[in-house]
Amino acid sequence: MAVLSAKTYQNYIAGEWVDAASGETFHSTSPANGEAIGTFPRSGEEDVKRAVAAAETAFEEWRLVPAPKRGEILFRFGQLLIDEKEELAQLMAREMGKVLAEARGDVQEAVDMSFYMGGEGRRLFGQTTPSELKDKFQMSVRMPIGIVGVITPWNFPIAIPSWKILPALVSGNTVVFKPATDTPALGERFVELLVEAGLPAGVVNVVHGGGGPVGEALVRHPDVRVISLTGSRETGVAVLKAAAECLKHVHLELGGKNAIIVLDDADLDLAVDGIVWSAFGTSGQRCTAASRVIVQRGIYDELQAKLVAAAERLRLGLGWEDDTDVGPVINERALEKIHSYTEIGKDEGATLLTGGEIATENGLDRGAFYRPTIFGDVEPGMRIAQEEIFGPTTALIRATDVDEAIRIANGIEFGLSSSIFTRDVNKAFKAMRDLNAGITYINAGTTGAEVHLPFGGTKGTGNGHREAGQAALDFYTEWKSIYVDYSGKLQRAQID
């Protein structure tokens, strides 16, 4: 495929493509080889104010558009994503670094969310209940909230915007969207397709720029009633504090330190496949990545040998090449952080079994490539078993039985995803009950969520809200209870 030509991009505000008020710009480059992707506006508070004003104006008409009609726009958007799937995947392989198969899956998640949330335009169910009084009708209905500030990361640059923006839109809200500065071209293309699908001017606005100048201004703007962020725990705490003064609705999807439990009776080849996909897919840059593998002692040595062999067969390379298994990490800062954890693991006394180095052969030095890394002899309290690395690194931990394995799995500050490989139905159900995580997989890895079930976690992974499924609608709407008394007289509830 020909190299993409770098172009100049703009913000999208009130239906127009415009430069940042300051005129300043920044560049997006490929983590695979440094190729220039594009030039983007380095926006600030003034641009956020303009976008919020546009969203506020658009809200008054958009909230009155019948929800089925809002859903029809999402159906058209989903079809456009299908039509542009390969183009988006190629762009993602270059701008973010994913291998093409994963990039296509990223787009497919947005397709699925488009069709699911488009269907919600004909549901958005409330409830009716019988009244305790005669000649009285009552019901609850969902109401849009207003302007939603959406702040997304770079690791799922099409899927995650769809998780946030599409339920917000079908519910009747308007949006100001800040894509990650590592993947702004994908964020902009997402909005371009929404516009092509027929979204009215001002309903979605995109403002490019950094988390400080743009993200903080969005969080602090008094007219932005809702904030949805996917990011680090530290950023999430800062957002909560900044949003508290205005009592905003805040949805946080934060970190994970997910574990796969492998018991003595497991299908080891299946378990190895699940671990490799969960630990090294997307170069380990998923909040659901399996960065811990808790193995029952009886099969520890055999699983370790199989896993190391499988990891060493993985080919590092450019995401758009068909034989690549693992692409680059997102940038040099990430590369340095990942390698620092390799040094931490060695200092803690863990055994480096494979990987643990920056890859530079065959032109990989032009990008940010890290070799898939496995540590053995890891203790549950080690930093590499407690802290999110966000790279292709996983840690093997021994456990005596399923109860100890579950205790180790739960012994972290996060609670996003979890997994167990076993043929024992009793142990599987015990894990389903006792693993403290928002997601649990049986005989599968820690990744693979589907859009019609809630996505999110417990403890330090978030603040209790969920993305996807009907649970997403509970965040992007407010309940209104309505009482209709047709008795012709005053009836006093709880008194009459």
Protein backbone atom coordinates (compact mmCIF):
# COMPACT_ATOMS: atom_id res chain seq x y z
CA MET A 1 0.00 0.00 0.00
CA ALA A 2 1.21 3.50 -0.75
CA VAL A 3 2.37 5.68 2.10
CA LEU A 4 -0.36 8.00 3.33
CA SER A 5 0.32 11.64 2.54
CA ALA A 6 0.40 13.97 5.52
CA LYS A 7 -2.35 16.59 5.50
CA THR A 8 -3.54 19.49 7.58
CA TYR A 9 -6.61 18.92 9.76
CA GLN A 10 -8.95 21.28 11.60
CA ASN A 11 -11.40 21.38 14.48
CA TYR A 12 -15.07 20.86 13.69
CA ILE A 13 -17.24 23.42 15.50
CA ALA A 14 -20.86 24.42 14.73
CA GLY A 15 -20.76 22.58 11.44
CA GLU A 16 -17.58 24.24 10.15
CA TRP A 17 -13.96 23.11 9.88
CA VAL A 18 -11.83 25.74 11.59
CA ASP A 19 -8.29 26.29 12.86
CA ALA A 20 -7.44 26.76 16.52
CA ALA A 21 -7.97 30.33 17.69
CA SER A 22 -4.26 30.59 18.47
CA GLY A 23 -3.23 29.31 15.04
CA GLU A 24 -0.85 26.86 16.73
CA THR A 25 -0.50 23.26 15.54
CA PHE A 26 0.99 19.88 16.47
CA HIS A 27 1.95 16.81 14.45
CA SER A 28 0.88 13.18 14.49
CA THR A 29 3.46 10.59 13.45
CA SER A 30 3.46 6.82 13.16
CA PRO A 31 4.92 4.88 16.09
CA ALA A 32 6.01 2.22 13.59
CA ASN A 33 8.46 4.28 11.52
CA GLY A 34 8.06 7.98 12.30
CA GLU A 35 6.02 8.61 9.15
CA ALA A 36 4.12 11.92 9.22
CA ILE A 37 0.35 11.44 9.53
CA GLY A 38 -0.86 15.02 9.70
CA THR A 39 -0.84 18.47 11.28
CA PHE A 40 -3.57 19.35 13.79
CA PRO A 41 -4.78 22.46 15.62
CA ARG A 42 -3.26 22.90 19.07
CA SER A 43 -6.46 24.15 20.65
CA GLY A 44 -7.10 25.85 23.97
CA GLU A 45 -9.81 27.22 26.22
CA GLU A 46 -11.19 29.63 23.61
CA ASP A 47 -11.78 26.78 21.17
CA VAL A 48 -13.50 24.73 23.88
CA LYS A 49 -15.79 27.66 24.67
CA ARG A 50 -16.77 27.98 21.00
CA ALA A 51 -17.48 24.25 20.77
CA VAL A 52 -19.55 24.23 23.96
CA ALA A 53 -21.57 27.21 22.73
CA ALA A 54 -22.25 25.37 19.47
CA ALA A 55 -23.30 22.22 21.33
CA GLU A 56 -25.57 24.24 23.61
CA THR A 57 -27.33 25.86 20.67
CA ALA A 58 -27.72 22.53 18.87
CA PHE A 59 -29.08 20.78 21.96
CA GLU A 60 -32.37 22.70 21.92
CA GLU A 61 -33.30 21.21 18.53
CA TRP A 62 -31.52 17.86 18.79
CA ARG A 63 -33.30 16.85 22.00
CA LEU A 64 -36.62 17.30 20.17
CA VAL A 65 -35.67 15.10 17.21
CA PRO A 66 -37.62 11.85 17.68
CA ALA A 67 -35.32 9.20 19.10
CA PRO A 68 -36.04 6.75 16.23
CA LYS A 69 -34.82 9.43 13.82
CA ARG A 70 -31.67 9.91 15.88
CA GLY A 71 -31.21 6.15 15.70
CA GLU A 72 -31.50 6.19 11.91
CA ILE A 73 -28.45 8.45 11.72
CA LEU A 74 -26.51 5.93 13.77
CA PHE A 75 -27.59 3.14 11.40
CA ARG A 76 -26.26 5.17 8.47
CA PHE A 77 -23.05 5.84 10.40
CA GLY A 78 -22.62 2.11 11.01
CA GLN A 79 -22.96 1.40 7.29
CA LEU A 80 -20.38 4.09 6.49
CA LEU A 81 -18.00 2.43 8.95
CA ILE A 82 -18.49 -0.85 7.09
CA ASP A 83 -17.81 0.88 3.77
CA GLU A 84 -14.67 2.56 5.15
CA LYS A 85 -13.48 -0.33 7.33
CA GLU A 86 -10.33 -1.14 5.38
CA GLU A 87 -9.36 2.51 4.97
CA LEU A 88 -9.80 3.09 8.72
CA ALA A 89 -7.85 -0.06 9.56
CA GLN A 90 -4.95 1.00 7.34
CA LEU A 91 -4.91 4.44 8.96
CA MET A 92 -5.03 2.85 12.42
CA ALA A 93 -2.12 0.54 11.62
CA ARG A 94 -0.07 3.62 10.77
CA GLU A 95 -1.23 6.21 13.29
CA MET A 96 -1.68 3.92 16.30
CA GLY A 97 0.36 0.84 15.36
CA LYS A 98 -2.19 -1.99 15.59
CA VAL A 99 -1.83 -4.96 13.29
CA LEU A 100 -4.50 -4.95 10.60
CA ALA A 101 -6.58 -7.79 12.02
CA GLU A 102 -6.91 -5.94 15.33
CA ALA A 103 -7.51 -2.61 13.60
CA ARG A 104 -10.38 -4.13 11.64
CA GLY A 105 -11.76 -5.48 14.92
CA ASP A 106 -11.53 -2.01 16.45
CA VAL A 107 -13.68 -0.62 13.64
CA GLN A 108 -16.07 -3.57 13.91
CA GLU A 109 -16.74 -2.70 17.55
CA ALA A 110 -17.88 0.72 16.40
CA VAL A 111 -20.08 -0.89 13.74
CA ASP A 112 -21.66 -3.10 16.38
CA MET A 113 -22.20 -0.16 18.73
CA SER A 114 -23.74 1.91 15.93
CA PHE A 115 -26.34 -0.72 15.15
CA TYR A 116 -27.02 -1.52 18.80
CA MET A 117 -27.50 2.11 19.84
CA GLY A 118 -29.39 2.86 16.64
CA GLY A 119 -31.91 0.25 17.77
CA GLU A 120 -32.16 1.92 21.17
CA GLY A 121 -33.75 4.87 19.35
CA ARG A 122 -36.91 2.74 19.21
CA ARG A 123 -36.61 1.61 22.80
CA LEU A 124 -35.07 3.94 25.41
CA PHE A 125 -37.43 2.15 27.73
CA GLY A 126 -38.89 3.66 30.88
CA GLN A 127 -41.45 2.04 33.19
CA THR A 128 -45.13 2.26 33.99
CA THR A 129 -46.40 1.18 37.39
CA PRO A 130 -49.84 1.06 39.05
CA SER A 131 -50.62 3.97 41.33
CA GLU A 132 -51.70 3.54 44.92
CA LEU A 133 -54.55 5.97 44.19
CA LYS A 134 -57.63 5.73 41.98
CA ASP A 135 -57.77 7.43 38.60
CA LYS A 136 -54.06 8.13 38.49
CA PHE A 137 -51.44 7.09 35.92
CA GLN A 138 -47.67 7.15 36.41
CA MET A 139 -44.54 6.43 34.44
CA SER A 140 -40.84 7.10 34.27
CA VAL A 141 -39.09 8.34 31.12
CA ARG A 142 -35.50 8.98 30.11
CA MET A 143 -34.47 12.58 29.48
CA PRO A 144 -31.30 13.87 27.78
CA ILE A 145 -28.94 15.75 30.08
CA GLY A 146 -27.28 18.31 27.81
CA ILE A 147 -23.69 18.70 26.65
CA VAL A 148 -21.37 15.71 27.01
CA GLY A 149 -17.59 16.15 27.10
CA VAL A 150 -15.91 13.05 25.65
CA ILE A 151 -12.19 12.44 26.27
CA THR A 152 -10.81 9.29 24.66
CA PRO A 153 -7.48 7.41 24.64
CA TRP A 154 -5.37 6.27 21.72
CA ASN A 155 -5.49 2.48 22.18
CA PHE A 156 -9.00 1.96 20.71
CA PRO A 157 -9.28 5.13 18.62
CA ILE A 158 -12.50 4.20 16.79
CA ALA A 159 -14.14 1.77 19.20
CA ILE A 160 -13.97 3.84 22.39
CA PRO A 161 -15.37 7.04 20.83
CA SER A 162 -18.28 4.93 19.64
CA TRP A 163 -18.89 3.58 23.17
CA LYS A 164 -19.24 7.12 24.48
CA ILE A 165 -20.57 9.28 21.66
CA LEU A 166 -23.25 7.00 20.18
CA PRO A 167 -25.28 6.36 23.36
CA ALA A 168 -24.97 10.05 24.17
CA LEU A 169 -26.39 10.99 20.77
CA VAL A 170 -29.27 8.52 20.64
CA SER A 171 -30.29 9.76 24.10
CA GLY A 172 -30.61 13.32 22.76
CA ASN A 173 -27.41 14.89 24.08
CA THR A 174 -24.85 16.92 22.15
CA VAL A 175 -21.11 16.31 22.29
CA VAL A 176 -17.74 18.05 22.46
CA PHE A 177 -15.12 15.43 21.60
CA LYS A 178 -11.40 15.59 22.42
CA PRO A 179 -9.54 12.74 20.72
CA ALA A 180 -6.16 11.56 22.00
CA THR A 181 -3.23 13.58 20.67
CA ASP A 182 -1.55 10.33 19.56
CA THR A 183 -4.47 9.42 17.26
CA PRO A 184 -6.12 12.68 16.15
CA ALA A 185 -6.56 11.67 12.49
CA LEU A 186 -8.69 8.71 13.50
CA GLY A 187 -10.75 10.91 15.83
CA GLU A 188 -11.34 13.39 13.05
CA ARG A 189 -12.30 10.69 10.56
CA PHE A 190 -14.82 9.37 13.09
CA VAL A 191 -16.51 12.78 13.17
CA GLU A 192 -16.35 13.20 9.40
CA LEU A 193 -18.34 10.00 8.98
CA LEU A 194 -20.92 11.12 11.56
CA VAL A 195 -21.38 14.31 9.57
CA GLU A 196 -21.69 12.30 6.36
CA ALA A 197 -24.35 10.17 8.07
CA GLY A 198 -26.49 13.29 8.49
CA LEU A 199 -25.72 14.59 11.97
CA PRO A 200 -26.84 18.24 12.22
CA ALA A 201 -24.32 21.03 12.77
CA GLY A 202 -23.22 21.51 16.37
CA VAL A 203 -24.48 18.14 17.61
CA VAL A 204 -20.92 16.76 17.63
CA ASN A 205 -17.90 19.06 17.76
CA VAL A 206 -14.26 17.95 17.74
CA VAL A 207 -11.51 19.98 19.41
CA HIS A 208 -7.94 18.73 19.01
CA GLY A 209 -5.24 19.36 21.59
CA GLY A 210 -3.70 18.32 24.87
CA GLY A 211 -5.28 17.18 28.09
CA GLY A 212 -4.34 20.37 29.91
CA PRO A 213 -5.43 23.10 27.47
CA VAL A 214 -8.45 21.21 26.03
CA GLY A 215 -9.36 18.44 28.44
CA GLU A 216 -9.23 20.53 31.58
CA ALA A 217 -11.14 23.39 29.95
CA LEU A 218 -13.83 20.91 28.94
CA VAL A 219 -14.04 19.39 32.42
CA ARG A 220 -14.27 22.79 34.11
CA HIS A 221 -16.72 24.45 31.71
CA PRO A 222 -19.92 25.04 33.71
CA ASP A 223 -22.22 24.29 30.76
CA VAL A 224 -20.79 20.81 30.16
CA ARG A 225 -23.03 18.63 32.31
CA VAL A 226 -21.46 15.23 31.58
CA ILE A 227 -17.85 14.05 31.30
CA SER A 228 -16.83 10.62 30.03
CA LEU A 229 -13.12 9.79 30.25
CA THR A 230 -11.06 6.71 29.54
CA GLY A 231 -7.55 7.11 30.90
CA SER A 232 -5.24 6.55 33.83
CA ARG A 233 -6.31 6.42 37.47
CA GLU A 234 -4.37 9.61 38.20
CA THR A 235 -6.14 11.48 35.41
CA GLY A 236 -9.50 10.12 36.56
CA VAL A 237 -9.02 11.37 40.10
CA ALA A 238 -8.02 14.82 38.78
CA VAL A 239 -11.12 14.93 36.57
CA LEU A 240 -13.39 14.00 39.49
CA LYS A 241 -11.93 16.78 41.60
CA ALA A 242 -12.21 19.36 38.83
CA ALA A 243 -15.81 18.35 38.00
CA ALA A 244 -16.99 18.27 41.62
CA GLU A 245 -17.53 22.01 41.93
CA CYS A 246 -20.23 21.93 39.23
CA LEU A 247 -21.66 18.56 40.33
CA LYS A 248 -21.14 17.12 36.87
CA HIS A 249 -22.02 13.58 35.92
CA VAL A 250 -18.64 11.87 35.55
CA HIS A 251 -17.95 8.46 34.03
CA LEU A 252 -14.44 7.06 34.43
CA GLU A 253 -12.90 4.02 32.75
CA LEU A 254 -9.43 3.71 34.24
CA GLY A 255 -6.74 1.07 34.69
CA GLY A 256 -6.57 -2.68 34.97
CA LYS A 257 -4.15 -5.33 36.22
CA ASN A 258 -6.00 -8.32 34.91
CA ALA A 259 -5.27 -11.95 35.78
CA ILE A 260 -5.75 -15.24 33.99
CA ILE A 261 -6.03 -18.20 36.37
CA VAL A 262 -4.92 -21.56 34.98
CA LEU A 263 -5.83 -24.63 37.07
CA ASP A 264 -4.32 -28.12 36.90
CA ASP A 265 -7.25 -29.51 34.89
CA ALA A 266 -7.16 -26.80 32.21
CA ASP A 267 -6.62 -27.35 28.50
CA LEU A 268 -3.08 -25.95 28.47
CA ASP A 269 -2.85 -25.30 24.75
CA LEU A 270 -6.10 -23.34 24.89
CA ALA A 271 -4.85 -21.46 27.95
CA VAL A 272 -1.59 -20.54 26.20
CA ASP A 273 -3.52 -19.25 23.19
CA GLY A 274 -5.68 -17.14 25.51
CA ILE A 275 -2.70 -15.77 27.42
CA VAL A 276 -0.73 -14.85 24.28
CA TRP A 277 -3.72 -13.04 22.78
CA SER A 278 -4.59 -11.25 26.02
CA ALA A 279 -1.05 -10.34 27.07
CA PHE A 280 0.53 -9.41 23.74
CA GLY A 281 -2.38 -8.38 21.51
CA THR A 282 -2.26 -4.62 20.86
CA SER A 283 1.28 -4.90 22.27
CA GLY A 284 -0.29 -5.24 25.72
CA GLN A 285 -1.79 -1.75 25.45
CA ARG A 286 -5.29 -2.61 26.60
CA CYS A 287 -6.92 -1.88 29.93
CA THR A 288 -8.08 -5.52 29.73
CA ALA A 289 -4.63 -6.96 28.96
CA ALA A 290 -3.54 -10.04 30.91
CA SER A 291 -0.51 -8.75 32.78
CA ARG A 292 -0.70 -11.54 35.39
CA VAL A 293 -1.02 -15.31 34.94
CA ILE A 294 -1.80 -17.20 38.14
CA VAL A 295 -0.92 -20.87 37.66
CA GLN A 296 -1.65 -23.85 39.88
CA ARG A 297 1.65 -25.40 40.94
CA GLY A 298 1.11 -28.81 39.34
CA ILE A 299 1.21 -27.42 35.78
CA TYR A 300 3.35 -24.31 36.35
CA ASP A 301 6.52 -25.61 34.67
CA GLU A 302 4.71 -27.05 31.66
CA LEU A 303 2.64 -23.92 31.08
CA GLN A 304 5.70 -21.70 31.48
CA ALA A 305 7.60 -23.65 28.83
CA LYS A 306 4.69 -23.59 26.37
CA LEU A 307 4.05 -19.89 26.95
CA VAL A 308 7.67 -18.83 26.49
CA ALA A 309 7.90 -20.84 23.27
CA ALA A 310 4.69 -19.26 21.95
CA ALA A 311 5.86 -15.73 22.81
CA GLU A 312 9.18 -16.26 21.08
CA ARG A 313 7.38 -17.27 17.88
CA LEU A 314 5.63 -13.89 17.65
CA ARG A 315 6.91 -11.63 14.89
CA LEU A 316 7.37 -7.93 15.56
CA GLY A 317 6.83 -5.63 12.63
CA LEU A 318 4.79 -2.99 10.85
CA GLY A 319 1.09 -3.32 11.57
CA TRP A 320 0.09 -3.16 7.93
CA GLU A 321 2.23 -6.17 6.98
CA ASP A 322 0.22 -9.40 6.91
CA ASP A 323 2.77 -11.53 8.77
CA THR A 324 3.13 -9.16 11.74
CA ASP A 325 1.92 -10.48 15.10
CA VAL A 326 2.94 -7.59 17.38
CA GLY A 327 3.16 -3.96 16.34
CA PRO A 328 4.85 -1.01 18.04
CA VAL A 329 3.88 0.60 21.31
CA ILE A 330 2.42 4.06 20.99
CA ASN A 331 5.50 6.28 21.47
CA GLU A 332 8.98 6.61 22.94
CA ARG A 333 7.64 7.56 26.39
CA ALA A 334 5.68 4.32 26.53
CA LEU A 335 8.74 2.38 25.40
CA GLU A 336 10.81 3.87 28.23
CA LYS A 337 8.10 3.17 30.82
CA ILE A 338 7.72 -0.46 29.73
CA HIS A 339 11.46 -1.04 29.84
CA SER A 340 11.69 0.58 33.27
CA TYR A 341 9.30 -2.10 34.57
CA THR A 342 11.58 -4.79 33.15
CA GLU A 343 14.37 -3.37 35.28
CA ILE A 344 12.03 -3.17 38.28
CA GLY A 345 11.05 -6.82 37.85
CA LYS A 346 14.67 -7.95 37.73
CA ASP A 347 15.53 -5.83 40.77
CA GLU A 348 12.61 -7.37 42.66
CA GLY A 349 13.98 -10.85 42.09
CA ALA A 350 11.64 -12.10 39.38
CA THR A 351 13.13 -14.29 36.64
CA LEU A 352 13.15 -12.76 33.17
CA LEU A 353 12.16 -15.71 30.96
CA THR A 354 12.05 -13.99 27.57
CA GLY A 355 11.98 -10.53 26.02
CA GLY A 356 12.73 -7.57 28.22
CA GLU A 357 14.39 -5.46 25.55
CA ILE A 358 13.74 -2.80 22.95
CA ALA A 359 13.73 -4.34 19.48
CA THR A 360 15.98 -2.66 16.92
CA GLU A 361 16.71 -5.26 14.24
CA ASN A 362 15.51 -5.12 10.62
CA GLY A 363 14.59 -1.45 10.76
CA LEU A 364 12.54 -1.69 13.96
CA ASP A 365 14.77 1.01 15.45
CA ARG A 366 12.77 3.52 13.38
CA GLY A 367 9.76 2.79 15.59
CA ALA A 368 8.84 2.02 19.21
CA PHE A 369 9.00 -1.78 19.41
CA TYR A 370 9.29 -3.84 22.59
CA ARG A 371 9.83 -7.56 22.63
CA PRO A 372 7.06 -9.66 24.30
CA THR A 373 8.21 -10.15 27.88
CA ILE A 374 7.46 -12.86 30.43
CA PHE A 375 8.59 -12.92 34.04
CA GLY A 376 8.56 -16.09 36.15
CA ASP A 377 8.82 -16.64 39.90
CA VAL A 378 6.77 -13.50 40.54
CA GLU A 379 5.39 -12.85 44.02
CA PRO A 380 1.91 -11.27 44.26
CA GLY A 381 3.20 -8.18 46.07
CA MET A 382 5.89 -7.27 43.53
CA ARG A 383 5.38 -4.02 41.64
CA ILE A 384 5.26 -5.85 38.31
CA ALA A 385 2.31 -7.82 39.75
CA GLN A 386 0.54 -4.76 41.17
CA GLU A 387 1.08 -1.80 38.83
CA GLU A 388 -0.28 -1.32 35.33
CA ILE A 389 2.59 -1.52 32.82
CA PHE A 390 0.51 -1.06 29.64
CA GLY A 391 2.90 -2.96 27.45
CA PRO A 392 3.67 -6.50 26.25
CA THR A 393 4.70 -7.82 29.67
CA THR A 394 3.10 -10.52 31.78
CA ALA A 395 4.02 -12.10 35.13
CA LEU A 396 3.68 -15.77 36.14
CA ILE A 397 2.56 -16.35 39.73
CA ARG A 398 2.19 -19.72 41.47
CA ALA A 399 -0.92 -20.69 43.45
CA THR A 400 -1.72 -23.82 45.45
CA ASP A 401 -5.43 -24.08 44.61
CA VAL A 402 -8.37 -22.16 43.19
CA ASP A 403 -9.03 -20.32 46.47
CA GLU A 404 -5.50 -18.98 46.67
CA ALA A 405 -5.58 -18.10 42.98
CA ILE A 406 -8.75 -16.05 43.45
CA ARG A 407 -7.25 -14.27 46.49
CA ILE A 408 -4.17 -13.36 44.46
CA ALA A 409 -6.31 -12.22 41.51
CA ASN A 410 -8.32 -9.94 43.81
CA GLY A 411 -5.27 -8.59 45.63
CA ILE A 412 -4.81 -5.46 43.52
CA GLU A 413 -6.31 -1.96 43.42
CA PHE A 414 -8.07 -2.57 40.09
CA GLY A 415 -11.01 -4.77 39.14
CA LEU A 416 -11.64 -4.69 35.41
CA SER A 417 -11.29 -8.11 33.77
CA SER A 418 -10.56 -11.64 34.97
CA SER A 419 -10.32 -15.13 33.52
CA ILE A 420 -10.08 -18.75 34.57
CA PHE A 421 -9.18 -21.85 32.58
CA THR A 422 -10.64 -25.03 34.10
CA ARG A 423 -12.77 -28.03 33.14
CA ASP A 424 -14.34 -28.16 36.62
CA VAL A 425 -17.76 -26.52 36.54
CA ASN A 426 -17.79 -26.09 40.32
CA LYS A 427 -14.53 -24.15 40.30
CA ALA A 428 -15.71 -22.12 37.34
CA PHE A 429 -18.84 -21.04 39.20
CA LYS A 430 -16.82 -20.24 42.30
CA ALA A 431 -14.63 -17.94 40.19
CA MET A 432 -17.68 -16.35 38.59
CA ARG A 433 -18.96 -15.50 42.06
CA ASP A 434 -15.75 -14.56 43.86
CA LEU A 435 -13.52 -12.77 41.33
CA ASN A 436 -13.87 -9.07 42.13
CA ALA A 437 -13.99 -7.67 38.61
CA GLY A 438 -16.51 -6.17 36.25
CA ILE A 439 -15.83 -8.88 33.65
CA THR A 440 -15.08 -12.60 34.07
CA TYR A 441 -14.28 -15.05 31.26
CA ILE A 442 -14.37 -18.83 31.55
CA ASN A 443 -11.91 -20.69 29.29
CA ALA A 444 -11.07 -17.52 27.39
CA GLY A 445 -8.61 -14.68 27.88
CA THR A 446 -9.28 -11.31 29.50
CA THR A 447 -10.31 -9.54 26.28
CA GLY A 448 -13.31 -9.90 24.01
CA ALA A 449 -16.19 -7.82 25.42
CA GLU A 450 -19.33 -7.45 23.32
CA VAL A 451 -21.30 -4.23 22.96
CA HIS A 452 -24.63 -5.46 24.36
CA LEU A 453 -23.25 -6.22 27.83
CA PRO A 454 -22.02 -3.62 30.34
CA PHE A 455 -18.29 -2.85 30.19
CA GLY A 456 -16.40 -1.54 33.19
CA GLY A 457 -14.83 -2.50 36.47
CA THR A 458 -14.74 -2.33 40.23
CA LYS A 459 -12.41 -0.70 42.76
CA GLY A 460 -9.80 1.60 41.19
CA THR A 461 -10.89 0.78 37.64
CA GLY A 462 -13.63 3.39 37.66
CA ASN A 463 -16.39 5.10 39.59
CA GLY A 464 -19.18 2.57 39.17
CA HIS A 465 -20.61 3.47 35.77
CA ARG A 466 -20.58 1.19 32.74
CA GLU A 467 -20.16 1.55 29.01
CA ALA A 468 -22.09 -0.43 26.39
CA GLY A 469 -25.40 -2.19 26.68
CA GLN A 470 -28.41 -0.59 28.31
CA ALA A 471 -26.18 0.38 31.24
CA ALA A 472 -24.67 3.11 29.05
CA LEU A 473 -28.08 4.73 28.68
CA ASP A 474 -28.34 5.05 32.45
CA PHE A 475 -25.30 7.33 32.38
CA TYR A 476 -26.32 9.50 29.42
CA THR A 477 -29.92 10.05 30.53
CA GLU A 478 -31.70 11.28 33.63
CA TRP A 479 -34.92 9.77 34.94
CA LYS A 480 -38.09 11.81 35.11
CA SER A 481 -41.10 10.44 37.00
CA ILE A 482 -44.46 11.63 35.68
CA TYR A 483 -47.83 11.44 37.49
CA VAL A 484 -51.15 12.06 35.73
CA ASP A 485 -54.16 12.44 38.01
CA TYR A 486 -57.46 12.27 36.13
CA SER A 487 -59.70 11.98 39.19
CA GLY A 488 -60.78 15.59 39.05
CA LYS A 489 -59.92 16.12 42.73
CA LEU A 490 -56.85 16.63 44.87
CA GLN A 491 -55.41 13.31 45.95
CA ARG A 492 -52.62 13.36 48.47
CA ALA A 493 -50.25 10.40 48.13
CA GLN A 494 -49.53 8.55 51.38
CA ILE A 495 -52.30 10.53 53.10
CA ASP A 496 -55.43 9.72 51.08
